[in-house]
Amino acid sequence: MAQAVEGKGYEDMQEFLNKIAKDELEHAQELAERIIELGGLPTNRPTDLEKNGNAPYPGVMKRLSDYDEIIKIVTGAEAGAIEVYDKIAKKTFGKDHDTYQLVTHILGEEITHEEMFENLKG
């Protein structure tokens, strides 16, 4: 979405979206590594990601200059991620220190992302 954003001040929105995309890729890589360490196998099927996700895929935006809609989509996604990571943190607390540390680190970044976009609301 970041490369296609347009309208007044699009560079700032691109910067925010690119930062989040980079962080989310890092989260996915860290989680995949942890799943493998635990003996599992991360999914490599995009349809499984959506099917098992905590929220539906928001779809393609028609107006890439509608920053209010972008902010709504991103803050919704971040809120959903925060909810999931919080649940995982609670389940792993005192039971799986490595997963707990990883998840609380990611949780902190997700909260920062949500705050970044909350601060952009007009």
PDB file of N, CA and C in Angstrom:
ATOM      1  N   MET A   1       0.829  -1.186   0.000  1.00  0.00           N
ATOM      2  CA  MET A   1       0.000   0.000   0.000  1.00  0.00           C
ATOM      3  C   MET A   1       0.874   1.250   0.000  1.00  0.00           C
ATOM      4  N   ALA A   2       2.018   1.192   0.672  1.00  0.00           N
ATOM      5  CA  ALA A   2       2.841   2.387   0.845  1.00  0.00           C
ATOM      6  C   ALA A   2       3.273   3.013  -0.467  1.00  0.00           C
ATOM      7  N   GLN A   3       3.680   2.190  -1.428  1.00  0.00           N
ATOM      8  CA  GLN A   3       4.189   2.737  -2.683  1.00  0.00           C
ATOM      9  C   GLN A   3       3.089   3.403  -3.508  1.00  0.00           C
ATOM     10  N   ALA A   4       1.841   3.049  -3.277  1.00  0.00           N
ATOM     11  CA  ALA A   4       0.747   3.575  -4.084  1.00  0.00           C
ATOM     12  C   ALA A   4       0.011   4.739  -3.425  1.00  0.00           C
ATOM     13  N   VAL A   5       0.379   5.097  -2.198  1.00  0.00           N
ATOM     14  CA  VAL A   5      -0.285   6.203  -1.516  1.00  0.00           C
ATOM     15  C   VAL A   5      -0.079   7.478  -2.308  1.00  0.00           C
ATOM     16  N   GLU A   6      -1.119   8.282  -2.364  1.00  0.00           N
ATOM     17  CA  GLU A   6      -1.037   9.534  -3.112  1.00  0.00           C
ATOM     18  C   GLU A   6      -1.719  10.643  -2.324  1.00  0.00           C
ATOM     19  N   GLY A   7      -1.668  11.830  -2.838  1.00  0.00           N
ATOM     20  CA  GLY A   7      -2.330  12.964  -2.206  1.00  0.00           C
ATOM     21  C   GLY A   7      -1.351  13.832  -1.437  1.00  0.00           C
ATOM     22  N   LYS A   8      -1.913  14.864  -0.821  1.00  0.00           N
ATOM     23  CA  LYS A   8      -1.119  15.839  -0.071  1.00  0.00           C
ATOM     24  C   LYS A   8      -0.369  15.153   1.071  1.00  0.00           C
ATOM     25  N   GLY A   9       0.909  15.390   1.148  1.00  0.00           N
ATOM     26  CA  GLY A   9       1.720  14.842   2.230  1.00  0.00           C
ATOM     27  C   GLY A   9       1.931  13.345   2.134  1.00  0.00           C
ATOM     28  N   TYR A  10       1.812  12.793   0.920  1.00  0.00           N
ATOM     29  CA  TYR A  10       1.911  11.341   0.770  1.00  0.00           C
ATOM     30  C   TYR A  10       3.254  10.786   1.230  1.00  0.00           C
ATOM     31  N   GLU A  11       4.317  11.590   1.165  1.00  0.00           N
ATOM     32  CA  GLU A  11       5.627  11.087   1.568  1.00  0.00           C
ATOM     33  C   GLU A  11       5.635  10.658   3.030  1.00  0.00           C
ATOM     34  N   ASP A  12       4.979  11.443   3.883  1.00  0.00           N
ATOM     35  CA  ASP A  12       4.917  11.098   5.301  1.00  0.00           C
ATOM     36  C   ASP A  12       4.153   9.796   5.517  1.00  0.00           C
ATOM     37  N   MET A  13       3.029   9.650   4.809  1.00  0.00           N
ATOM     38  CA  MET A  13       2.233   8.429   4.948  1.00  0.00           C
ATOM     39  C   MET A  13       3.031   7.235   4.424  1.00  0.00           C
ATOM     40  N   GLN A  14       3.733   7.414   3.319  1.00  0.00           N
ATOM     41  CA  GLN A  14       4.579   6.334   2.798  1.00  0.00           C
ATOM     42  C   GLN A  14       5.623   5.918   3.827  1.00  0.00           C
ATOM     43  N   GLU A  15       6.234   6.916   4.442  1.00  0.00           N
ATOM     44  CA  GLU A  15       7.273   6.638   5.435  1.00  0.00           C
ATOM     45  C   GLU A  15       6.717   5.811   6.596  1.00  0.00           C
ATOM     46  N   PHE A  16       5.554   6.215   7.112  1.00  0.00           N
ATOM     47  CA  PHE A  16       4.930   5.476   8.210  1.00  0.00           C
ATOM     48  C   PHE A  16       4.595   4.045   7.780  1.00  0.00           C
ATOM     49  N   LEU A  17       3.978   3.891   6.628  1.00  0.00           N
ATOM     50  CA  LEU A  17       3.577   2.567   6.150  1.00  0.00           C
ATOM     51  C   LEU A  17       4.787   1.681   5.864  1.00  0.00           C
ATOM     52  N   ASN A  18       5.833   2.247   5.301  1.00  0.00           N
ATOM     53  CA  ASN A  18       7.044   1.466   5.039  1.00  0.00           C
ATOM     54  C   ASN A  18       7.707   1.017   6.336  1.00  0.00           C
ATOM     55  N   LYS A  19       7.719   1.878   7.341  1.00  0.00           N
ATOM     56  CA  LYS A  19       8.287   1.521   8.649  1.00  0.00           C
ATOM     57  C   LYS A  19       7.526   0.350   9.244  1.00  0.00           C
ATOM     58  N   ILE A  20       6.211   0.423   9.195  1.00  0.00           N
ATOM     59  CA  ILE A  20       5.403  -0.650   9.758  1.00  0.00           C
ATOM     60  C   ILE A  20       5.590  -1.937   8.969  1.00  0.00           C
ATOM     61  N   ALA A  21       5.614  -1.850   7.647  1.00  0.00           N
ATOM     62  CA  ALA A  21       5.793  -3.049   6.817  1.00  0.00           C
ATOM     63  C   ALA A  21       7.123  -3.734   7.144  1.00  0.00           C
ATOM     64  N   LYS A  22       8.165  -2.943   7.310  1.00  0.00           N
ATOM     65  CA  LYS A  22       9.484  -3.493   7.659  1.00  0.00           C
ATOM     66  C   LYS A  22       9.431  -4.195   9.010  1.00  0.00           C
ATOM     67  N   ASP A  23       8.806  -3.562   9.987  1.00  0.00           N
ATOM     68  CA  ASP A  23       8.686  -4.166  11.313  1.00  0.00           C
ATOM     69  C   ASP A  23       7.846  -5.443  11.267  1.00  0.00           C
ATOM     70  N   GLU A  24       6.754  -5.420  10.498  1.00  0.00           N
ATOM     71  CA  GLU A  24       5.886  -6.601  10.425  1.00  0.00           C
ATOM     72  C   GLU A  24       6.606  -7.777   9.774  1.00  0.00           C
ATOM     73  N   LEU A  25       7.418  -7.514   8.769  1.00  0.00           N
ATOM     74  CA  LEU A  25       8.209  -8.580   8.149  1.00  0.00           C
ATOM     75  C   LEU A  25       9.189  -9.155   9.167  1.00  0.00           C
ATOM     76  N   GLU A  26       9.808  -8.288   9.931  1.00  0.00           N
ATOM     77  CA  GLU A  26      10.727  -8.738  10.978  1.00  0.00           C
ATOM     78  C   GLU A  26       9.984  -9.608  11.993  1.00  0.00           C
ATOM     79  N   HIS A  27       8.781  -9.198  12.383  1.00  0.00           N
ATOM     80  CA  HIS A  27       7.986  -9.989  13.330  1.00  0.00           C
ATOM     81  C   HIS A  27       7.694 -11.369  12.759  1.00  0.00           C
ATOM     82  N   ALA A  28       7.294 -11.415  11.500  1.00  0.00           N
ATOM     83  CA  ALA A  28       6.981 -12.695  10.860  1.00  0.00           C
ATOM     84  C   ALA A  28       8.208 -13.606  10.846  1.00  0.00           C
ATOM     85  N   GLN A  29       9.363 -13.042  10.559  1.00  0.00           N
ATOM     86  CA  GLN A  29      10.592 -13.838  10.527  1.00  0.00           C
ATOM     87  C   GLN A  29      10.946 -14.352  11.920  1.00  0.00           C
ATOM     88  N   GLU A  30      10.826 -13.488  12.919  1.00  0.00           N
ATOM     89  CA  GLU A  30      11.135 -13.896  14.294  1.00  0.00           C
ATOM     90  C   GLU A  30      10.182 -14.992  14.765  1.00  0.00           C
ATOM     91  N   LEU A  31       8.906 -14.834  14.458  1.00  0.00           N
ATOM     92  CA  LEU A  31       7.928 -15.836  14.870  1.00  0.00           C
ATOM     93  C   LEU A  31       8.149 -17.159  14.141  1.00  0.00           C
ATOM     94  N   ALA A  32       8.473 -17.085  12.856  1.00  0.00           N
ATOM     95  CA  ALA A  32       8.747 -18.304  12.094  1.00  0.00           C
ATOM     96  C   ALA A  32       9.937 -19.045  12.707  1.00  0.00           C
ATOM     97  N   GLU A  33      10.980 -18.318  13.057  1.00  0.00           N
ATOM     98  CA  GLU A  33      12.148 -18.937  13.685  1.00  0.00           C
ATOM     99  C   GLU A  33      11.775 -19.608  15.000  1.00  0.00           C
ATOM    100  N   ARG A  34      10.933 -18.938  15.782  1.00  0.00           N
ATOM    101  CA  ARG A  34      10.532 -19.509  17.081  1.00  0.00           C
ATOM    102  C   ARG A  34       9.673 -20.752  16.882  1.00  0.00           C
ATOM    103  N   ILE A  35       8.783 -20.731  15.916  1.00  0.00           N
ATOM    104  CA  ILE A  35       7.949 -21.903  15.629  1.00  0.00           C
ATOM    105  C   ILE A  35       8.836 -23.089  15.257  1.00  0.00           C
ATOM    106  N   ILE A  36       9.833 -22.841  14.442  1.00  0.00           N
ATOM    107  CA  ILE A  36      10.766 -23.909  14.042  1.00  0.00           C
ATOM    108  C   ILE A  36      11.548 -24.412  15.258  1.00  0.00           C
ATOM    109  N   GLU A  37      12.014 -23.496  16.117  1.00  0.00           N
ATOM    110  CA  GLU A  37      12.736 -23.896  17.331  1.00  0.00           C
ATOM    111  C   GLU A  37      11.891 -24.813  18.204  1.00  0.00           C
ATOM    112  N   LEU A  38      10.577 -24.575  18.188  1.00  0.00           N
ATOM    113  CA  LEU A  38       9.660 -25.374  19.006  1.00  0.00           C
ATOM    114  C   LEU A  38       9.236 -26.666  18.308  1.00  0.00           C
ATOM    115  N   GLY A  39       9.766 -26.902  17.096  1.00  0.00           N
ATOM    116  CA  GLY A  39       9.468 -28.135  16.382  1.00  0.00           C
ATOM    117  C   GLY A  39       8.317 -28.049  15.407  1.00  0.00           C
ATOM    118  N   GLY A  40       7.803 -26.867  15.200  1.00  0.00           N
ATOM    119  CA  GLY A  40       6.689 -26.691  14.272  1.00  0.00           C
ATOM    120  C   GLY A  40       7.167 -26.251  12.903  1.00  0.00           C
ATOM    121  N   LEU A  41       6.220 -26.003  12.052  1.00  0.00           N
ATOM    122  CA  LEU A  41       6.506 -25.543  10.704  1.00  0.00           C
ATOM    123  C   LEU A  41       5.575 -24.381  10.389  1.00  0.00           C
ATOM    124  N   PRO A  42       6.131 -23.199  10.150  1.00  0.00           N
ATOM    125  CA  PRO A  42       5.283 -22.047   9.818  1.00  0.00           C
ATOM    126  C   PRO A  42       4.557 -22.298   8.495  1.00  0.00           C
ATOM    127  N   THR A  43       3.383 -21.749   8.361  1.00  0.00           N
ATOM    128  CA  THR A  43       2.635 -21.913   7.121  1.00  0.00           C
ATOM    129  C   THR A  43       3.294 -21.129   5.998  1.00  0.00           C
ATOM    130  N   ASN A  44       3.177 -21.647   4.798  1.00  0.00           N
ATOM    131  CA  ASN A  44       3.676 -20.925   3.633  1.00  0.00           C
ATOM    132  C   ASN A  44       2.563 -20.732   2.611  1.00  0.00           C
ATOM    133  N   ARG A  45       1.340 -20.905   3.071  1.00  0.00           N
ATOM    134  CA  ARG A  45       0.178 -20.730   2.203  1.00  0.00           C
ATOM    135  C   ARG A  45      -0.572 -19.465   2.612  1.00  0.00           C
ATOM    136  N   PRO A  46      -0.580 -18.455   1.761  1.00  0.00           N
ATOM    137  CA  PRO A  46      -1.270 -17.201   2.098  1.00  0.00           C
ATOM    138  C   PRO A  46      -2.737 -17.390   2.467  1.00  0.00           C
ATOM    139  N   THR A  47      -3.413 -18.353   1.850  1.00  0.00           N
ATOM    140  CA  THR A  47      -4.824 -18.563   2.191  1.00  0.00           C
ATOM    141  C   THR A  47      -4.981 -19.035   3.626  1.00  0.00           C
ATOM    142  N   ASP A  48      -4.013 -19.793   4.126  1.00  0.00           N
ATOM    143  CA  ASP A  48      -4.062 -20.227   5.519  1.00  0.00           C
ATOM    144  C   ASP A  48      -3.870 -19.048   6.470  1.00  0.00           C
ATOM    145  N   LEU A  49      -3.051 -18.099   6.074  1.00  0.00           N
ATOM    146  CA  LEU A  49      -2.834 -16.924   6.920  1.00  0.00           C
ATOM    147  C   LEU A  49      -4.138 -16.175   7.142  1.00  0.00           C
ATOM    148  N   GLU A  50      -4.884 -15.970   6.073  1.00  0.00           N
ATOM    149  CA  GLU A  50      -6.144 -15.246   6.215  1.00  0.00           C
ATOM    150  C   GLU A  50      -7.186 -16.092   6.937  1.00  0.00           C
ATOM    151  N   LYS A  51      -7.249 -17.370   6.596  1.00  0.00           N
ATOM    152  CA  LYS A  51      -8.237 -18.265   7.206  1.00  0.00           C
ATOM    153  C   LYS A  51      -8.043 -18.358   8.718  1.00  0.00           C
ATOM    154  N   ASN A  52      -6.790 -18.381   9.145  1.00  0.00           N
ATOM    155  CA  ASN A  52      -6.484 -18.536  10.564  1.00  0.00           C
ATOM    156  C   ASN A  52      -6.190 -17.207  11.261  1.00  0.00           C
ATOM    157  N   GLY A  53      -6.320 -16.114  10.539  1.00  0.00           N
ATOM    158  CA  GLY A  53      -6.040 -14.804  11.115  1.00  0.00           C
ATOM    159  C   GLY A  53      -7.117 -14.366  12.093  1.00  0.00           C
ATOM    160  N   ASN A  54      -6.780 -13.378  12.889  1.00  0.00           N
ATOM    161  CA  ASN A  54      -7.728 -12.878  13.871  1.00  0.00           C
ATOM    162  C   ASN A  54      -8.650 -11.809  13.296  1.00  0.00           C
ATOM    163  N   ALA A  55      -8.395 -11.398  12.057  1.00  0.00           N
ATOM    164  CA  ALA A  55      -9.246 -10.391  11.408  1.00  0.00           C
ATOM    165  C   ALA A  55      -9.206 -10.642   9.903  1.00  0.00           C
ATOM    166  N   PRO A  56     -10.279 -10.295   9.227  1.00  0.00           N
ATOM    167  CA  PRO A  56     -10.281 -10.492   7.774  1.00  0.00           C
ATOM    168  C   PRO A  56      -9.318  -9.535   7.079  1.00  0.00           C
ATOM    169  N   TYR A  57      -8.832  -9.946   5.917  1.00  0.00           N
ATOM    170  CA  TYR A  57      -7.983  -9.082   5.105  1.00  0.00           C
ATOM    171  C   TYR A  57      -8.804  -7.862   4.694  1.00  0.00           C
ATOM    172  N   PRO A  58      -8.266  -6.659   4.858  1.00  0.00           N
ATOM    173  CA  PRO A  58      -9.073  -5.453   4.597  1.00  0.00           C
ATOM    174  C   PRO A  58      -9.367  -5.204   3.123  1.00  0.00           C
ATOM    175  N   GLY A  59      -8.689  -5.872   2.235  1.00  0.00           N
ATOM    176  CA  GLY A  59      -8.944  -5.675   0.810  1.00  0.00           C
ATOM    177  C   GLY A  59      -8.120  -4.536   0.238  1.00  0.00           C
ATOM    178  N   VAL A  60      -8.331  -4.271  -1.017  1.00  0.00           N
ATOM    179  CA  VAL A  60      -7.592  -3.238  -1.725  1.00  0.00           C
ATOM    180  C   VAL A  60      -8.359  -1.921  -1.626  1.00  0.00           C
ATOM    181  N   MET A  61      -7.647  -0.877  -1.295  1.00  0.00           N
ATOM    182  CA  MET A  61      -8.278   0.441  -1.200  1.00  0.00           C
ATOM    183  C   MET A  61      -8.476   1.026  -2.591  1.00  0.00           C
ATOM    184  N   LYS A  62      -9.599   1.673  -2.771  1.00  0.00           N
ATOM    185  CA  LYS A  62      -9.888   2.311  -4.057  1.00  0.00           C
ATOM    186  C   LYS A  62      -9.324   3.734  -4.132  1.00  0.00           C
ATOM    187  N   ARG A  63      -9.316   4.428  -3.000  1.00  0.00           N
ATOM    188  CA  ARG A  63      -8.818   5.811  -2.961  1.00  0.00           C
ATOM    189  C   ARG A  63      -7.589   5.864  -2.061  1.00  0.00           C
ATOM    190  N   LEU A  64      -6.434   5.851  -2.680  1.00  0.00           N
ATOM    191  CA  LEU A  64      -5.190   5.817  -1.918  1.00  0.00           C
ATOM    192  C   LEU A  64      -4.789   7.184  -1.369  1.00  0.00           C
ATOM    193  N   SER A  65      -5.649   8.150  -1.520  1.00  0.00           N
ATOM    194  CA  SER A  65      -5.423   9.456  -0.894  1.00  0.00           C
ATOM    195  C   SER A  65      -6.357   9.646   0.301  1.00  0.00           C
ATOM    196  N   ASP A  66      -7.136   8.627   0.646  1.00  0.00           N
ATOM    197  CA  ASP A  66      -8.056   8.685   1.774  1.00  0.00           C
ATOM    198  C   ASP A  66      -7.306   8.269   3.038  1.00  0.00           C
ATOM    199  N   TYR A  67      -6.608   9.225   3.623  1.00  0.00           N
ATOM    200  CA  TYR A  67      -5.770   8.928   4.776  1.00  0.00           C
ATOM    201  C   TYR A  67      -6.585   8.494   5.991  1.00  0.00           C
ATOM    202  N   ASP A  68      -7.794   9.017   6.125  1.00  0.00           N
ATOM    203  CA  ASP A  68      -8.636   8.581   7.245  1.00  0.00           C
ATOM    204  C   ASP A  68      -8.915   7.080   7.143  1.00  0.00           C
ATOM    205  N   GLU A  69      -9.172   6.593   5.935  1.00  0.00           N
ATOM    206  CA  GLU A  69      -9.425   5.168   5.735  1.00  0.00           C
ATOM    207  C   GLU A  69      -8.154   4.355   5.977  1.00  0.00           C
ATOM    208  N   ILE A  70      -7.028   4.853   5.496  1.00  0.00           N
ATOM    209  CA  ILE A  70      -5.752   4.161   5.732  1.00  0.00           C
ATOM    210  C   ILE A  70      -5.494   4.051   7.229  1.00  0.00           C
ATOM    211  N   ILE A  71      -5.675   5.147   7.932  1.00  0.00           N
ATOM    212  CA  ILE A  71      -5.444   5.165   9.381  1.00  0.00           C
ATOM    213  C   ILE A  71      -6.398   4.192  10.074  1.00  0.00           C
ATOM    214  N   LYS A  72      -7.653   4.169   9.648  1.00  0.00           N
ATOM    215  CA  LYS A  72      -8.645   3.258  10.233  1.00  0.00           C
ATOM    216  C   LYS A  72      -8.225   1.801  10.018  1.00  0.00           C
ATOM    217  N   ILE A  73      -7.799   1.467   8.807  1.00  0.00           N
ATOM    218  CA  ILE A  73      -7.386   0.098   8.502  1.00  0.00           C
ATOM    219  C   ILE A  73      -6.155  -0.290   9.318  1.00  0.00           C
ATOM    220  N   VAL A  74      -5.166   0.587   9.344  1.00  0.00           N
ATOM    221  CA  VAL A  74      -3.920   0.258  10.044  1.00  0.00           C
ATOM    222  C   VAL A  74      -4.139   0.175  11.548  1.00  0.00           C
ATOM    223  N   THR A  75      -4.874   1.102  12.125  1.00  0.00           N
ATOM    224  CA  THR A  75      -5.100   1.038  13.576  1.00  0.00           C
ATOM    225  C   THR A  75      -5.933  -0.183  13.942  1.00  0.00           C
ATOM    226  N   GLY A  76      -6.859  -0.563  13.084  1.00  0.00           N
ATOM    227  CA  GLY A  76      -7.629  -1.785  13.328  1.00  0.00           C
ATOM    228  C   GLY A  76      -6.751  -3.015  13.304  1.00  0.00           C
ATOM    229  N   ALA A  77      -5.856  -3.067  12.328  1.00  0.00           N
ATOM    230  CA  ALA A  77      -4.935  -4.202  12.231  1.00  0.00           C
ATOM    231  C   ALA A  77      -4.007  -4.244  13.440  1.00  0.00           C
ATOM    232  N   GLU A  78      -3.521  -3.090  13.857  1.00  0.00           N
ATOM    233  CA  GLU A  78      -2.627  -3.046  15.016  1.00  0.00           C
ATOM    234  C   GLU A  78      -3.366  -3.449  16.286  1.00  0.00           C
ATOM    235  N   ALA A  79      -4.608  -3.005  16.438  1.00  0.00           N
ATOM    236  CA  ALA A  79      -5.392  -3.380  17.622  1.00  0.00           C
ATOM    237  C   ALA A  79      -5.590  -4.892  17.668  1.00  0.00           C
ATOM    238  N   GLY A  80      -5.857  -5.489  16.512  1.00  0.00           N
ATOM    239  CA  GLY A  80      -6.010  -6.939  16.456  1.00  0.00           C
ATOM    240  C   GLY A  80      -4.725  -7.659  16.812  1.00  0.00           C
ATOM    241  N   ALA A  81      -3.608  -7.152  16.319  1.00  0.00           N
ATOM    242  CA  ALA A  81      -2.312  -7.754  16.629  1.00  0.00           C
ATOM    243  C   ALA A  81      -2.004  -7.626  18.120  1.00  0.00           C
ATOM    244  N   ILE A  82      -2.295  -6.481  18.681  1.00  0.00           N
ATOM    245  CA  ILE A  82      -2.063  -6.266  20.113  1.00  0.00           C
ATOM    246  C   ILE A  82      -2.862  -7.276  20.931  1.00  0.00           C
ATOM    247  N   GLU A  83      -4.097  -7.483  20.548  1.00  0.00           N
ATOM    248  CA  GLU A  83      -4.945  -8.442  21.260  1.00  0.00           C
ATOM    249  C   GLU A  83      -4.353  -9.852  21.203  1.00  0.00           C
ATOM    250  N   VAL A  84      -3.912 -10.280  20.034  1.00  0.00           N
ATOM    251  CA  VAL A  84      -3.351 -11.623  19.875  1.00  0.00           C
ATOM    252  C   VAL A  84      -2.050 -11.771  20.655  1.00  0.00           C
ATOM    253  N   TYR A  85      -1.134 -10.804  20.515  1.00  0.00           N
ATOM    254  CA  TYR A  85       0.143 -10.915  21.221  1.00  0.00           C
ATOM    255  C   TYR A  85      -0.036 -10.842  22.731  1.00  0.00           C
ATOM    256  N   ASP A  86      -1.018 -10.081  23.189  1.00  0.00           N
ATOM    257  CA  ASP A  86      -1.302 -10.018  24.616  1.00  0.00           C
ATOM    258  C   ASP A  86      -1.772 -11.387  25.120  1.00  0.00           C
ATOM    259  N   LYS A  87      -2.631 -12.050  24.354  1.00  0.00           N
ATOM    260  CA  LYS A  87      -3.100 -13.387  24.739  1.00  0.00           C
ATOM    261  C   LYS A  87      -1.944 -14.386  24.787  1.00  0.00           C
ATOM    262  N   ILE A  88      -1.069 -14.324  23.789  1.00  0.00           N
ATOM    263  CA  ILE A  88       0.074 -15.242  23.757  1.00  0.00           C
ATOM    264  C   ILE A  88       1.005 -14.965  24.931  1.00  0.00           C
ATOM    265  N   ALA A  89       1.211 -13.686  25.239  1.00  0.00           N
ATOM    266  CA  ALA A  89       2.067 -13.339  26.380  1.00  0.00           C
ATOM    267  C   ALA A  89       1.495 -13.909  27.673  1.00  0.00           C
ATOM    268  N   LYS A  90       0.205 -13.786  27.848  1.00  0.00           N
ATOM    269  CA  LYS A  90      -0.423 -14.314  29.066  1.00  0.00           C
ATOM    270  C   LYS A  90      -0.304 -15.835  29.138  1.00  0.00           C
ATOM    271  N   LYS A  91      -0.433 -16.509  27.999  1.00  0.00           N
ATOM    272  CA  LYS A  91      -0.344 -17.975  27.978  1.00  0.00           C
ATOM    273  C   LYS A  91       1.080 -18.469  28.215  1.00  0.00           C
ATOM    274  N   THR A  92       2.070 -17.712  27.790  1.00  0.00           N
ATOM    275  CA  THR A  92       3.454 -18.176  27.907  1.00  0.00           C
ATOM    276  C   THR A  92       4.154 -17.671  29.161  1.00  0.00           C
ATOM    277  N   PHE A  93       3.571 -16.702  29.849  1.00  0.00           N
ATOM    278  CA  PHE A  93       4.189 -16.143  31.049  1.00  0.00           C
ATOM    279  C   PHE A  93       4.446 -17.252  32.076  1.00  0.00           C
ATOM    280  N   GLY A  94       5.693 -17.374  32.493  1.00  0.00           N
ATOM    281  CA  GLY A  94       6.071 -18.364  33.494  1.00  0.00           C
ATOM    282  C   GLY A  94       6.165 -19.784  32.961  1.00  0.00           C
ATOM    283  N   LYS A  95       5.902 -19.979  31.659  1.00  0.00           N
ATOM    284  CA  LYS A  95       5.925 -21.329  31.081  1.00  0.00           C
ATOM    285  C   LYS A  95       6.950 -21.467  29.966  1.00  0.00           C
ATOM    286  N   ASP A  96       7.099 -20.429  29.160  1.00  0.00           N
ATOM    287  CA  ASP A  96       8.009 -20.457  28.003  1.00  0.00           C
ATOM    288  C   ASP A  96       8.651 -19.076  27.905  1.00  0.00           C
ATOM    289  N   HIS A  97       9.762 -18.940  28.611  1.00  0.00           N
ATOM    290  CA  HIS A  97      10.415 -17.641  28.742  1.00  0.00           C
ATOM    291  C   HIS A  97      10.805 -17.050  27.387  1.00  0.00           C
ATOM    292  N   ASP A  98      11.370 -17.861  26.486  1.00  0.00           N
ATOM    293  CA  ASP A  98      11.835 -17.342  25.194  1.00  0.00           C
ATOM    294  C   ASP A  98      10.676 -16.813  24.347  1.00  0.00           C
ATOM    295  N   THR A  99       9.598 -17.573  24.276  1.00  0.00           N
ATOM    296  CA  THR A  99       8.431 -17.112  23.511  1.00  0.00           C
ATOM    297  C   THR A  99       7.828 -15.884  24.170  1.00  0.00           C
ATOM    298  N   TYR A 100       7.746 -15.883  25.494  1.00  0.00           N
ATOM    299  CA  TYR A 100       7.211 -14.728  26.212  1.00  0.00           C
ATOM    300  C   TYR A 100       8.028 -13.466  25.904  1.00  0.00           C
ATOM    301  N   GLN A 101       9.339 -13.579  25.944  1.00  0.00           N
ATOM    302  CA  GLN A 101      10.193 -12.413  25.670  1.00  0.00           C
ATOM    303  C   GLN A 101       9.998 -11.918  24.240  1.00  0.00           C
ATOM    304  N   LEU A 102       9.940 -12.838  23.291  1.00  0.00           N
ATOM    305  CA  LEU A 102       9.740 -12.461  21.894  1.00  0.00           C
ATOM    306  C   LEU A 102       8.397 -11.769  21.712  1.00  0.00           C
ATOM    307  N   VAL A 103       7.363 -12.350  22.261  1.00  0.00           N
ATOM    308  CA  VAL A 103       6.016 -11.814  22.074  1.00  0.00           C
ATOM    309  C   VAL A 103       5.859 -10.458  22.762  1.00  0.00           C
ATOM    310  N   THR A 104       6.430 -10.288  23.938  1.00  0.00           N
ATOM    311  CA  THR A 104       6.299  -8.982  24.599  1.00  0.00           C
ATOM    312  C   THR A 104       7.096  -7.916  23.854  1.00  0.00           C
ATOM    313  N   HIS A 105       8.198  -8.299  23.246  1.00  0.00           N
ATOM    314  CA  HIS A 105       8.956  -7.359  22.405  1.00  0.00           C
ATOM    315  C   HIS A 105       8.091  -6.923  21.212  1.00  0.00           C
ATOM    316  N   ILE A 106       7.501  -7.893  20.528  1.00  0.00           N
ATOM    317  CA  ILE A 106       6.642  -7.581  19.374  1.00  0.00           C
ATOM    318  C   ILE A 106       5.432  -6.773  19.832  1.00  0.00           C
ATOM    319  N   LEU A 107       4.849  -7.131  20.951  1.00  0.00           N
ATOM    320  CA  LEU A 107       3.698  -6.406  21.494  1.00  0.00           C
ATOM    321  C   LEU A 107       4.032  -4.933  21.697  1.00  0.00           C
ATOM    322  N   GLY A 108       5.196  -4.653  22.237  1.00  0.00           N
ATOM    323  CA  GLY A 108       5.615  -3.259  22.427  1.00  0.00           C
ATOM    324  C   GLY A 108       5.697  -2.509  21.113  1.00  0.00           C
ATOM    325  N   GLU A 109       6.207  -3.159  20.077  1.00  0.00           N
ATOM    326  CA  GLU A 109       6.297  -2.509  18.776  1.00  0.00           C
ATOM    327  C   GLU A 109       4.911  -2.288  18.171  1.00  0.00           C
ATOM    328  N   GLU A 110       4.004  -3.243  18.368  1.00  0.00           N
ATOM    329  CA  GLU A 110       2.647  -3.087  17.839  1.00  0.00           C
ATOM    330  C   GLU A 110       1.930  -1.922  18.522  1.00  0.00           C
ATOM    331  N   ILE A 111       2.151  -1.775  19.806  1.00  0.00           N
ATOM    332  CA  ILE A 111       1.552  -0.642  20.535  1.00  0.00           C
ATOM    333  C   ILE A 111       2.107   0.668  19.996  1.00  0.00           C
ATOM    334  N   THR A 112       3.400   0.717  19.730  1.00  0.00           N
ATOM    335  CA  THR A 112       4.014   1.911  19.145  1.00  0.00           C
ATOM    336  C   THR A 112       3.409   2.213  17.778  1.00  0.00           C
ATOM    337  N   HIS A 113       3.219   1.188  16.955  1.00  0.00           N
ATOM    338  CA  HIS A 113       2.607   1.386  15.636  1.00  0.00           C
ATOM    339  C   HIS A 113       1.208   1.981  15.775  1.00  0.00           C
ATOM    340  N   GLU A 114       0.429   1.400  16.673  1.00  0.00           N
ATOM    341  CA  GLU A 114      -0.938   1.890  16.858  1.00  0.00           C
ATOM    342  C   GLU A 114      -0.928   3.350  17.301  1.00  0.00           C
ATOM    343  N   GLU A 115      -0.038   3.683  18.205  1.00  0.00           N
ATOM    344  CA  GLU A 115       0.058   5.071  18.690  1.00  0.00           C
ATOM    345  C   GLU A 115       0.475   6.018  17.578  1.00  0.00           C
ATOM    346  N   MET A 116       1.394   5.576  16.706  1.00  0.00           N
ATOM    347  CA  MET A 116       1.826   6.415  15.580  1.00  0.00           C
ATOM    348  C   MET A 116       0.622   6.822  14.729  1.00  0.00           C
ATOM    349  N   PHE A 117      -0.234   5.866  14.422  1.00  0.00           N
ATOM    350  CA  PHE A 117      -1.371   6.148  13.563  1.00  0.00           C
ATOM    351  C   PHE A 117      -2.511   6.824  14.308  1.00  0.00           C
ATOM    352  N   GLU A 118      -2.670   6.527  15.578  1.00  0.00           N
ATOM    353  CA  GLU A 118      -3.675   7.242  16.390  1.00  0.00           C
ATOM    354  C   GLU A 118      -3.338   8.736  16.413  1.00  0.00           C
ATOM    355  N   ASN A 119      -2.046   9.054  16.482  1.00  0.00           N
ATOM    356  CA  ASN A 119      -1.614  10.450  16.514  1.00  0.00           C
ATOM    357  C   ASN A 119      -1.840  11.175  15.199  1.00  0.00           C
ATOM    358  N   LEU A 120      -2.040  10.434  14.111  1.00  0.00           N
ATOM    359  CA  LEU A 120      -2.300  11.048  12.806  1.00  0.00           C
ATOM    360  C   LEU A 120      -3.771  11.398  12.592  1.00  0.00           C
ATOM    361  N   LYS A 121      -4.625  10.859  13.447  1.00  0.00           N
ATOM    362  CA  LYS A 121      -6.068  11.127  13.274  1.00  0.00           C
ATOM    363  C   LYS A 121      -6.337  12.606  13.395  1.00  0.00           C
ATOM    364  N   GLY A 122      -7.202  13.077  12.505  1.00  0.00           N
ATOM    365  CA  GLY A 122      -7.520  14.511  12.462  1.00  0.00           C
ATOM    366  C   GLY A 122      -8.579  14.946  13.396  1.00  0.00           C
TER     367      GLY A 122
END
